[in-house]
N, C-alpha and C. Protein backbone atom coordinates (compact mmCIF):
# COMPACT_ATOMS: atom_id res chain seq x y z
N UNK A 1 -53.51 -131.04 -138.31
CA UNK A 1 -53.93 -131.31 -139.59
C UNK A 1 -53.92 -130.11 -140.45
N UNK A 2 -53.38 -130.15 -141.72
CA UNK A 2 -53.47 -128.76 -142.62
C UNK A 2 -54.81 -128.82 -143.36
N UNK A 3 -55.02 -127.32 -143.63
CA UNK A 3 -56.47 -127.20 -144.36
C UNK A 3 -55.62 -126.15 -145.44
N UNK A 4 -55.95 -126.55 -146.74
CA UNK A 4 -55.59 -125.75 -147.73
C UNK A 4 -56.82 -124.94 -148.38
N UNK A 5 -56.80 -123.50 -148.37
CA UNK A 5 -57.83 -122.81 -149.13
C UNK A 5 -57.34 -122.51 -150.50
N UNK A 6 -58.14 -122.89 -151.46
CA UNK A 6 -57.83 -122.77 -152.84
C UNK A 6 -58.80 -122.19 -153.73
N UNK A 7 -58.48 -121.41 -154.60
CA UNK A 7 -59.63 -120.65 -155.63
C UNK A 7 -59.22 -121.52 -156.89
N UNK A 8 -60.66 -121.98 -157.43
CA UNK A 8 -60.77 -122.90 -158.49
C UNK A 8 -61.68 -121.96 -159.54
N UNK A 9 -61.12 -122.07 -160.79
CA UNK A 9 -61.82 -121.50 -161.89
C UNK A 9 -61.58 -122.15 -163.28
N UNK A 10 -62.66 -122.03 -163.98
CA UNK A 10 -62.46 -122.44 -165.38
C UNK A 10 -61.31 -121.66 -166.22
N UNK A 11 -60.46 -122.29 -166.85
CA UNK A 11 -59.39 -121.37 -167.54
C UNK A 11 -60.03 -120.20 -168.38
N UNK A 12 -59.48 -118.97 -168.21
CA UNK A 12 -59.94 -117.77 -168.74
C UNK A 12 -61.11 -117.04 -168.21
N UNK A 13 -61.65 -117.61 -167.36
CA UNK A 13 -62.89 -117.05 -166.58
C UNK A 13 -62.74 -116.90 -165.19
N UNK A 14 -61.41 -116.65 -164.62
CA UNK A 14 -61.19 -116.47 -163.31
C UNK A 14 -61.94 -115.18 -162.60
N UNK A 15 -62.07 -114.24 -163.45
CA UNK A 15 -63.00 -112.95 -162.70
C UNK A 15 -64.39 -113.20 -162.84
N UNK A 16 -64.94 -114.00 -163.84
CA UNK A 16 -66.34 -114.13 -163.81
C UNK A 16 -67.11 -115.24 -163.21
N UNK A 17 -66.18 -116.30 -163.03
CA UNK A 17 -66.64 -117.54 -162.39
C UNK A 17 -65.58 -118.21 -161.49
N UNK A 18 -65.80 -118.57 -160.15
CA UNK A 18 -64.86 -119.24 -159.30
C UNK A 18 -65.62 -119.59 -158.17
N UNK A 19 -64.82 -120.58 -157.66
CA UNK A 19 -65.04 -120.94 -156.10
C UNK A 19 -63.84 -120.87 -155.27
N UNK A 20 -64.12 -120.55 -154.08
CA UNK A 20 -62.80 -120.46 -153.21
C UNK A 20 -63.30 -121.78 -152.30
N UNK A 21 -62.33 -122.79 -151.88
CA UNK A 21 -62.59 -123.90 -151.26
C UNK A 21 -61.74 -124.11 -150.10
N UNK A 22 -62.13 -124.79 -148.95
CA UNK A 22 -61.26 -125.20 -147.93
C UNK A 22 -61.23 -126.79 -147.90
N UNK A 23 -60.03 -127.37 -148.09
CA UNK A 23 -59.98 -128.66 -148.15
C UNK A 23 -58.83 -129.35 -147.23
N UNK A 24 -59.19 -130.10 -146.36
CA UNK A 24 -58.03 -130.80 -145.53
C UNK A 24 -57.25 -131.62 -146.09
N UNK A 25 -56.02 -131.92 -145.72
CA UNK A 25 -54.87 -132.86 -146.16
C UNK A 25 -55.38 -134.30 -146.43
N UNK A 26 -56.08 -134.72 -145.80
CA UNK A 26 -56.59 -136.09 -145.77
C UNK A 26 -57.69 -136.35 -146.88
N UNK A 27 -58.14 -135.21 -147.57
CA UNK A 27 -59.20 -135.54 -148.83
C UNK A 27 -58.45 -135.84 -149.88
N UNK A 28 -58.99 -136.95 -150.58
CA UNK A 28 -58.32 -137.66 -152.02
C UNK A 28 -58.47 -136.61 -152.94
N UNK A 29 -57.77 -136.78 -154.02
CA UNK A 29 -58.07 -136.00 -155.29
C UNK A 29 -59.39 -136.43 -155.64
N UNK A 30 -59.87 -137.58 -155.61
CA UNK A 30 -61.28 -137.90 -156.01
C UNK A 30 -62.38 -137.06 -155.35
N UNK A 31 -62.20 -136.75 -153.95
CA UNK A 31 -63.03 -136.10 -153.35
C UNK A 31 -62.99 -134.77 -153.72
N UNK A 32 -61.91 -134.15 -153.91
CA UNK A 32 -61.59 -132.80 -154.27
C UNK A 32 -62.29 -132.52 -155.65
N UNK A 33 -62.25 -133.43 -156.66
CA UNK A 33 -62.82 -133.44 -157.78
C UNK A 33 -64.22 -133.36 -157.75
N UNK A 34 -64.86 -134.22 -156.90
CA UNK A 34 -66.35 -134.07 -156.67
C UNK A 34 -66.63 -132.82 -156.22
N UNK A 35 -66.03 -132.26 -155.13
CA UNK A 35 -66.41 -130.86 -154.47
C UNK A 35 -66.34 -129.93 -155.79
N UNK A 36 -65.23 -129.99 -156.54
CA UNK A 36 -65.26 -128.82 -157.60
C UNK A 36 -66.57 -128.86 -158.68
N UNK A 37 -66.54 -130.27 -159.03
CA UNK A 37 -67.59 -130.63 -160.10
C UNK A 37 -68.99 -130.09 -159.69
N UNK A 38 -69.32 -130.44 -158.42
CA UNK A 38 -70.72 -130.31 -157.85
C UNK A 38 -70.81 -128.84 -157.61
N UNK A 39 -69.63 -127.98 -157.29
CA UNK A 39 -69.68 -126.60 -156.91
C UNK A 39 -70.21 -125.76 -158.24
N UNK A 40 -69.66 -126.37 -159.30
CA UNK A 40 -70.08 -125.64 -160.58
C UNK A 40 -71.28 -126.30 -161.28
N UNK A 41 -72.07 -127.29 -160.59
CA UNK A 41 -73.04 -127.88 -161.08
C UNK A 41 -73.01 -128.63 -162.55
N UNK A 42 -71.73 -129.30 -162.58
CA UNK A 42 -71.56 -129.97 -163.62
C UNK A 42 -71.93 -131.42 -163.67
N UNK A 43 -71.98 -132.13 -164.54
CA UNK A 43 -72.47 -133.55 -164.75
C UNK A 43 -71.01 -134.17 -164.26
N UNK A 44 -71.23 -135.32 -163.18
CA UNK A 44 -70.03 -135.89 -162.63
C UNK A 44 -69.65 -137.12 -163.27
N UNK A 45 -70.08 -137.55 -164.50
CA UNK A 45 -69.88 -138.58 -165.11
C UNK A 45 -68.64 -138.74 -166.20
N UNK A 46 -67.66 -138.10 -165.89
CA UNK A 46 -66.56 -138.06 -166.90
C UNK A 46 -65.15 -138.29 -166.23
N UNK A 47 -64.40 -138.63 -167.08
CA UNK A 47 -62.94 -138.95 -166.83
C UNK A 47 -62.25 -137.56 -166.40
N UNK A 48 -61.09 -137.70 -165.49
CA UNK A 48 -60.51 -136.52 -165.24
C UNK A 48 -59.04 -136.87 -164.76
N UNK A 49 -58.33 -135.78 -164.75
CA UNK A 49 -56.91 -135.86 -164.22
C UNK A 49 -56.44 -134.59 -163.57
N UNK A 50 -55.70 -134.65 -162.50
CA UNK A 50 -55.03 -133.46 -161.82
C UNK A 50 -53.74 -133.30 -162.60
N UNK A 51 -53.43 -132.23 -162.95
CA UNK A 51 -52.11 -132.11 -163.63
C UNK A 51 -51.12 -130.99 -162.90
N UNK A 52 -50.06 -131.48 -162.84
CA UNK A 52 -48.97 -130.42 -162.21
C UNK A 52 -47.85 -130.16 -163.21
N UNK A 53 -47.64 -128.82 -163.54
CA UNK A 53 -46.82 -128.56 -164.66
C UNK A 53 -47.39 -127.22 -165.18
N UNK A 54 -46.63 -126.88 -166.17
CA UNK A 54 -46.94 -125.57 -166.81
C UNK A 54 -48.44 -125.76 -167.71
N UNK A 55 -48.97 -126.86 -168.01
CA UNK A 55 -50.11 -127.09 -168.73
C UNK A 55 -50.61 -128.30 -168.31
N UNK A 56 -51.80 -128.84 -169.13
CA UNK A 56 -52.41 -130.15 -168.88
C UNK A 56 -51.82 -131.16 -169.76
N UNK A 57 -51.01 -130.74 -170.60
CA UNK A 57 -50.12 -131.61 -171.64
C UNK A 57 -48.78 -131.27 -171.51
N UNK A 58 -48.03 -132.08 -172.19
CA UNK A 58 -46.64 -131.81 -172.61
C UNK A 58 -45.57 -132.41 -171.66
N UNK A 59 -44.33 -132.12 -172.04
CA UNK A 59 -43.20 -132.65 -171.21
C UNK A 59 -43.14 -132.12 -169.71
N UNK A 60 -42.88 -132.98 -168.68
CA UNK A 60 -42.76 -132.63 -167.58
C UNK A 60 -43.99 -132.49 -166.80
N UNK A 61 -45.22 -132.77 -167.16
CA UNK A 61 -46.36 -132.50 -166.70
C UNK A 61 -46.52 -134.00 -165.70
N UNK A 62 -46.99 -133.89 -164.56
CA UNK A 62 -47.33 -134.90 -163.58
C UNK A 62 -48.77 -134.90 -163.72
N UNK A 63 -49.53 -136.07 -163.91
CA UNK A 63 -50.90 -136.35 -164.08
C UNK A 63 -51.24 -137.42 -163.02
N UNK A 64 -52.17 -137.12 -162.40
CA UNK A 64 -52.94 -138.24 -161.49
C UNK A 64 -54.17 -138.56 -162.03
N UNK A 65 -54.13 -139.69 -162.32
CA UNK A 65 -55.46 -140.18 -163.26
C UNK A 65 -56.60 -140.87 -162.58
N UNK A 66 -58.02 -140.54 -162.92
CA UNK A 66 -58.93 -141.19 -162.43
C UNK A 66 -58.95 -142.69 -162.65
N UNK A 67 -58.64 -143.08 -163.73
CA UNK A 67 -58.49 -144.50 -164.22
C UNK A 67 -57.23 -144.62 -164.65
N UNK A 68 -56.09 -144.81 -163.64
CA UNK A 68 -54.77 -145.06 -164.04
C UNK A 68 -54.38 -146.27 -164.73
N UNK A 69 -53.48 -146.43 -165.78
CA UNK A 69 -53.01 -147.55 -166.08
C UNK A 69 -51.85 -148.02 -165.27
N UNK A 70 -51.35 -149.18 -165.49
CA UNK A 70 -50.36 -149.68 -164.55
C UNK A 70 -49.11 -148.66 -164.50
N UNK A 71 -48.88 -148.35 -163.20
CA UNK A 71 -47.77 -147.44 -162.92
C UNK A 71 -47.93 -145.97 -163.07
N UNK A 72 -49.17 -145.54 -163.37
CA UNK A 72 -49.52 -144.21 -163.43
C UNK A 72 -49.94 -143.73 -162.04
N UNK A 73 -49.98 -142.47 -161.73
CA UNK A 73 -50.42 -142.06 -160.49
C UNK A 73 -51.88 -141.83 -160.45
N UNK A 74 -52.43 -142.14 -159.36
CA UNK A 74 -53.93 -142.21 -159.11
C UNK A 74 -54.50 -141.04 -158.32
N UNK A 75 -55.85 -140.49 -158.88
CA UNK A 75 -56.39 -139.75 -158.13
C UNK A 75 -57.07 -140.09 -156.68
N UNK A 76 -56.68 -141.38 -156.33
CA UNK A 76 -56.82 -141.90 -154.86
C UNK A 76 -55.96 -141.36 -154.00
N UNK A 77 -54.95 -140.63 -154.27
CA UNK A 77 -53.85 -139.98 -153.75
C UNK A 77 -54.43 -138.93 -152.84
N UNK A 78 -53.91 -138.63 -151.52
CA UNK A 78 -54.51 -137.73 -150.58
C UNK A 78 -53.79 -136.30 -150.90
N UNK A 79 -54.40 -135.11 -150.55
CA UNK A 79 -54.10 -133.92 -150.64
C UNK A 79 -52.47 -133.72 -150.02
N UNK A 80 -52.50 -134.31 -148.93
CA UNK A 80 -51.24 -134.31 -148.05
C UNK A 80 -49.94 -134.54 -148.79
N UNK A 81 -50.04 -135.49 -149.91
CA UNK A 81 -48.99 -136.25 -150.61
C UNK A 81 -48.48 -135.38 -151.58
N UNK A 82 -49.00 -134.25 -151.99
CA UNK A 82 -48.81 -133.34 -153.33
C UNK A 82 -47.78 -132.32 -153.00
N UNK A 83 -47.37 -132.02 -151.87
CA UNK A 83 -46.11 -130.99 -151.66
C UNK A 83 -46.89 -129.65 -152.08
N UNK A 84 -48.04 -129.38 -151.83
CA UNK A 84 -48.74 -128.02 -152.23
C UNK A 84 -48.02 -127.00 -151.30
N UNK A 85 -47.89 -125.84 -151.96
CA UNK A 85 -47.23 -124.61 -151.62
C UNK A 85 -48.29 -123.39 -151.62
N UNK A 86 -48.31 -122.36 -150.81
CA UNK A 86 -48.95 -121.28 -151.08
C UNK A 86 -48.39 -120.66 -152.41
N UNK A 87 -49.39 -120.38 -153.14
CA UNK A 87 -49.08 -119.63 -154.35
C UNK A 87 -48.98 -120.61 -155.60
N UNK A 88 -48.75 -121.88 -155.21
CA UNK A 88 -48.79 -122.93 -156.30
C UNK A 88 -49.87 -123.11 -157.23
N UNK A 89 -49.84 -123.50 -158.37
CA UNK A 89 -50.92 -123.51 -159.26
C UNK A 89 -50.98 -124.94 -159.89
N UNK A 90 -52.27 -125.52 -159.98
CA UNK A 90 -52.23 -126.79 -160.78
C UNK A 90 -53.52 -126.87 -161.55
N UNK A 91 -53.91 -127.86 -162.11
CA UNK A 91 -55.06 -128.13 -162.98
C UNK A 91 -55.79 -129.29 -162.70
N UNK A 92 -57.08 -129.00 -162.87
CA UNK A 92 -58.22 -130.29 -163.03
C UNK A 92 -58.55 -130.30 -164.57
N UNK A 93 -58.05 -131.33 -165.28
CA UNK A 93 -58.51 -131.51 -166.70
C UNK A 93 -59.74 -132.40 -166.41
N UNK A 94 -60.90 -131.91 -166.87
CA UNK A 94 -62.10 -132.47 -166.86
C UNK A 94 -62.78 -132.91 -168.04
N UNK A 95 -63.29 -134.09 -168.00
CA UNK A 95 -64.35 -134.39 -169.21
C UNK A 95 -63.24 -134.12 -170.66
N UNK A 96 -62.67 -135.34 -170.75
CA UNK A 96 -61.66 -135.16 -171.99
C UNK A 96 -61.92 -134.98 -173.32
N UNK A 97 -63.39 -135.26 -173.58
CA UNK A 97 -63.87 -134.77 -174.86
C UNK A 97 -64.18 -133.30 -174.99
N UNK A 98 -64.89 -132.79 -174.01
CA UNK A 98 -64.90 -131.27 -173.84
C UNK A 98 -63.86 -130.50 -173.51
N UNK A 99 -63.01 -131.18 -172.99
CA UNK A 99 -61.57 -130.55 -172.45
C UNK A 99 -61.67 -129.54 -171.57
N UNK A 100 -62.62 -129.48 -170.36
CA UNK A 100 -62.72 -128.51 -169.57
C UNK A 100 -61.24 -128.58 -168.80
N UNK A 101 -60.68 -127.23 -168.40
CA UNK A 101 -59.50 -127.04 -167.71
C UNK A 101 -59.64 -126.00 -166.63
N UNK A 102 -59.73 -126.54 -165.40
CA UNK A 102 -59.99 -125.87 -164.19
C UNK A 102 -58.52 -125.48 -163.57
N UNK A 103 -58.35 -124.19 -163.29
CA UNK A 103 -57.10 -123.70 -162.80
C UNK A 103 -57.37 -123.73 -161.08
N UNK A 104 -56.34 -124.25 -160.44
CA UNK A 104 -56.44 -124.31 -159.07
C UNK A 104 -55.39 -123.49 -158.49
N UNK A 105 -55.51 -122.69 -157.52
CA UNK A 105 -54.43 -121.89 -157.01
C UNK A 105 -54.53 -121.95 -155.60
N UNK A 106 -53.55 -122.32 -154.93
CA UNK A 106 -53.36 -122.44 -153.39
C UNK A 106 -53.19 -121.19 -152.94
N UNK A 107 -54.02 -120.63 -152.09
CA UNK A 107 -54.09 -119.34 -151.44
C UNK A 107 -53.54 -119.26 -150.11
N UNK A 108 -53.97 -120.30 -149.16
CA UNK A 108 -53.60 -120.36 -147.91
C UNK A 108 -53.50 -121.76 -147.37
N UNK A 109 -52.51 -122.00 -146.34
CA UNK A 109 -52.39 -123.47 -145.79
C UNK A 109 -52.26 -123.03 -144.35
N UNK A 110 -53.33 -123.55 -143.61
CA UNK A 110 -53.46 -123.45 -142.09
C UNK A 110 -53.47 -124.92 -141.47
N UNK A 111 -52.82 -124.82 -140.14
CA UNK A 111 -53.09 -125.87 -139.15
C UNK A 111 -54.50 -125.79 -138.71
N UNK A 112 -55.11 -126.90 -138.39
CA UNK A 112 -56.33 -126.91 -137.75
C UNK A 112 -56.48 -127.78 -136.62
N UNK A 113 -57.66 -128.17 -136.12
CA UNK A 113 -57.74 -129.01 -134.98
C UNK A 113 -58.01 -130.32 -135.42
N UNK A 114 -57.75 -130.79 -136.43
CA UNK A 114 -58.08 -132.05 -136.94
C UNK A 114 -59.18 -132.57 -137.49
N UNK A 115 -60.22 -131.71 -137.88
CA UNK A 115 -61.46 -132.19 -138.37
C UNK A 115 -61.28 -132.15 -140.05
N UNK A 116 -61.74 -133.40 -140.61
CA UNK A 116 -61.75 -133.32 -142.04
C UNK A 116 -62.74 -132.13 -142.39
N UNK A 117 -62.22 -131.33 -143.49
CA UNK A 117 -62.96 -130.46 -144.21
C UNK A 117 -62.86 -130.42 -145.72
N UNK A 118 -64.00 -130.18 -146.30
CA UNK A 118 -64.05 -130.20 -147.89
C UNK A 118 -65.37 -129.31 -148.11
N UNK A 119 -65.22 -128.03 -148.15
CA UNK A 119 -66.42 -127.29 -148.33
C UNK A 119 -66.06 -126.01 -149.13
N UNK A 120 -67.36 -125.56 -149.73
CA UNK A 120 -67.19 -124.15 -150.40
C UNK A 120 -67.04 -122.98 -149.55
N UNK A 121 -66.20 -122.08 -149.87
CA UNK A 121 -66.21 -120.84 -148.83
C UNK A 121 -66.99 -119.68 -149.53
N UNK A 122 -66.74 -119.57 -150.74
CA UNK A 122 -67.25 -118.65 -151.59
C UNK A 122 -67.58 -118.92 -152.99
N UNK A 123 -68.30 -118.34 -153.57
CA UNK A 123 -68.77 -118.62 -155.08
C UNK A 123 -69.02 -117.55 -156.03
N UNK A 124 -68.78 -117.44 -157.06
CA UNK A 124 -69.13 -116.35 -158.07
C UNK A 124 -69.35 -116.94 -159.26
N UNK A 125 -70.39 -116.52 -159.85
CA UNK A 125 -70.82 -116.72 -161.20
C UNK A 125 -71.13 -118.00 -161.66
N UNK A 126 -71.72 -118.38 -162.83
CA UNK A 126 -71.79 -119.73 -163.30
C UNK A 126 -71.25 -120.12 -164.64
N UNK A 127 -71.22 -121.22 -164.73
CA UNK A 127 -70.50 -121.82 -166.11
C UNK A 127 -71.61 -122.95 -166.71
N UNK A 128 -71.81 -122.88 -167.99
CA UNK A 128 -72.67 -123.87 -168.61
C UNK A 128 -71.78 -125.23 -169.00
N UNK A 129 -71.90 -126.14 -168.71
CA UNK A 129 -71.08 -127.26 -169.12
C UNK A 129 -71.25 -127.62 -170.47
N UNK A 130 -72.48 -127.63 -170.97
CA UNK A 130 -72.85 -127.92 -172.39
C UNK A 130 -73.38 -126.52 -173.13
N UNK A 131 -72.88 -125.56 -173.05
CA UNK A 131 -73.44 -124.39 -173.78
C UNK A 131 -74.13 -124.53 -175.15
N UNK A 132 -73.72 -125.33 -175.73
CA UNK A 132 -74.27 -125.61 -177.29
C UNK A 132 -75.19 -126.58 -177.36
N UNK A 133 -75.47 -127.63 -176.14
CA UNK A 133 -76.26 -128.67 -176.43
C UNK A 133 -77.69 -128.14 -176.36
N UNK A 134 -78.32 -128.84 -177.53
CA UNK A 134 -79.93 -128.73 -177.69
C UNK A 134 -80.42 -130.02 -177.64
N UNK A 135 -81.18 -130.16 -176.52
CA UNK A 135 -81.55 -131.60 -176.23
C UNK A 135 -82.57 -131.97 -177.39
N UNK A 136 -83.36 -131.13 -177.82
CA UNK A 136 -84.51 -131.47 -178.82
C UNK A 136 -83.75 -131.92 -180.09
N UNK A 137 -82.57 -131.17 -180.53
CA UNK A 137 -81.98 -131.47 -181.77
C UNK A 137 -81.23 -132.88 -181.49
N UNK A 138 -80.77 -133.44 -180.16
CA UNK A 138 -80.02 -134.36 -180.11
C UNK A 138 -81.06 -135.72 -180.23
N UNK A 139 -82.22 -135.45 -179.84
CA UNK A 139 -83.27 -136.61 -179.75
C UNK A 139 -83.63 -136.93 -181.16
N UNK A 140 -83.78 -135.80 -181.96
CA UNK A 140 -84.18 -136.05 -183.38
C UNK A 140 -83.38 -136.67 -184.15
N UNK A 141 -82.21 -136.60 -183.80
CA UNK A 141 -80.98 -137.30 -184.57
C UNK A 141 -81.02 -138.84 -184.35
N UNK A 142 -81.46 -139.18 -183.29
CA UNK A 142 -81.65 -140.57 -182.94
C UNK A 142 -82.92 -141.22 -183.33
N UNK A 143 -83.79 -140.45 -183.82
CA UNK A 143 -85.20 -141.24 -184.29
C UNK A 143 -85.02 -141.83 -185.71
């Protein structure tokens, strides 16, 4: 079984906040997303897509959607089916309203003894999911 070591960071913050993760090939993109989101302590209640191409939008981008329409690729796909290579970059587009873009860089691919792995190897920095959120202001608006 192959294990992929990947560096994950919010776009533009790769030096201030990142996570290095080890994920085995039998983990689904859904499981990988849960690992990423929980490692940054984000709220896990948003839609997401994994995007392969120069960006998250545009021509030629391949998107694996968490709630696919008929014929679209699904995040139920296993890592083993993605054709990942060392040095390859792809993206997690998370929370389509707030438009979070996580860059994922494949750093290493190794053969292992066959145990399923999905874990954080190292972490640096924090990121606020809702930096401008004022809970008191929000509740005042609803009264």
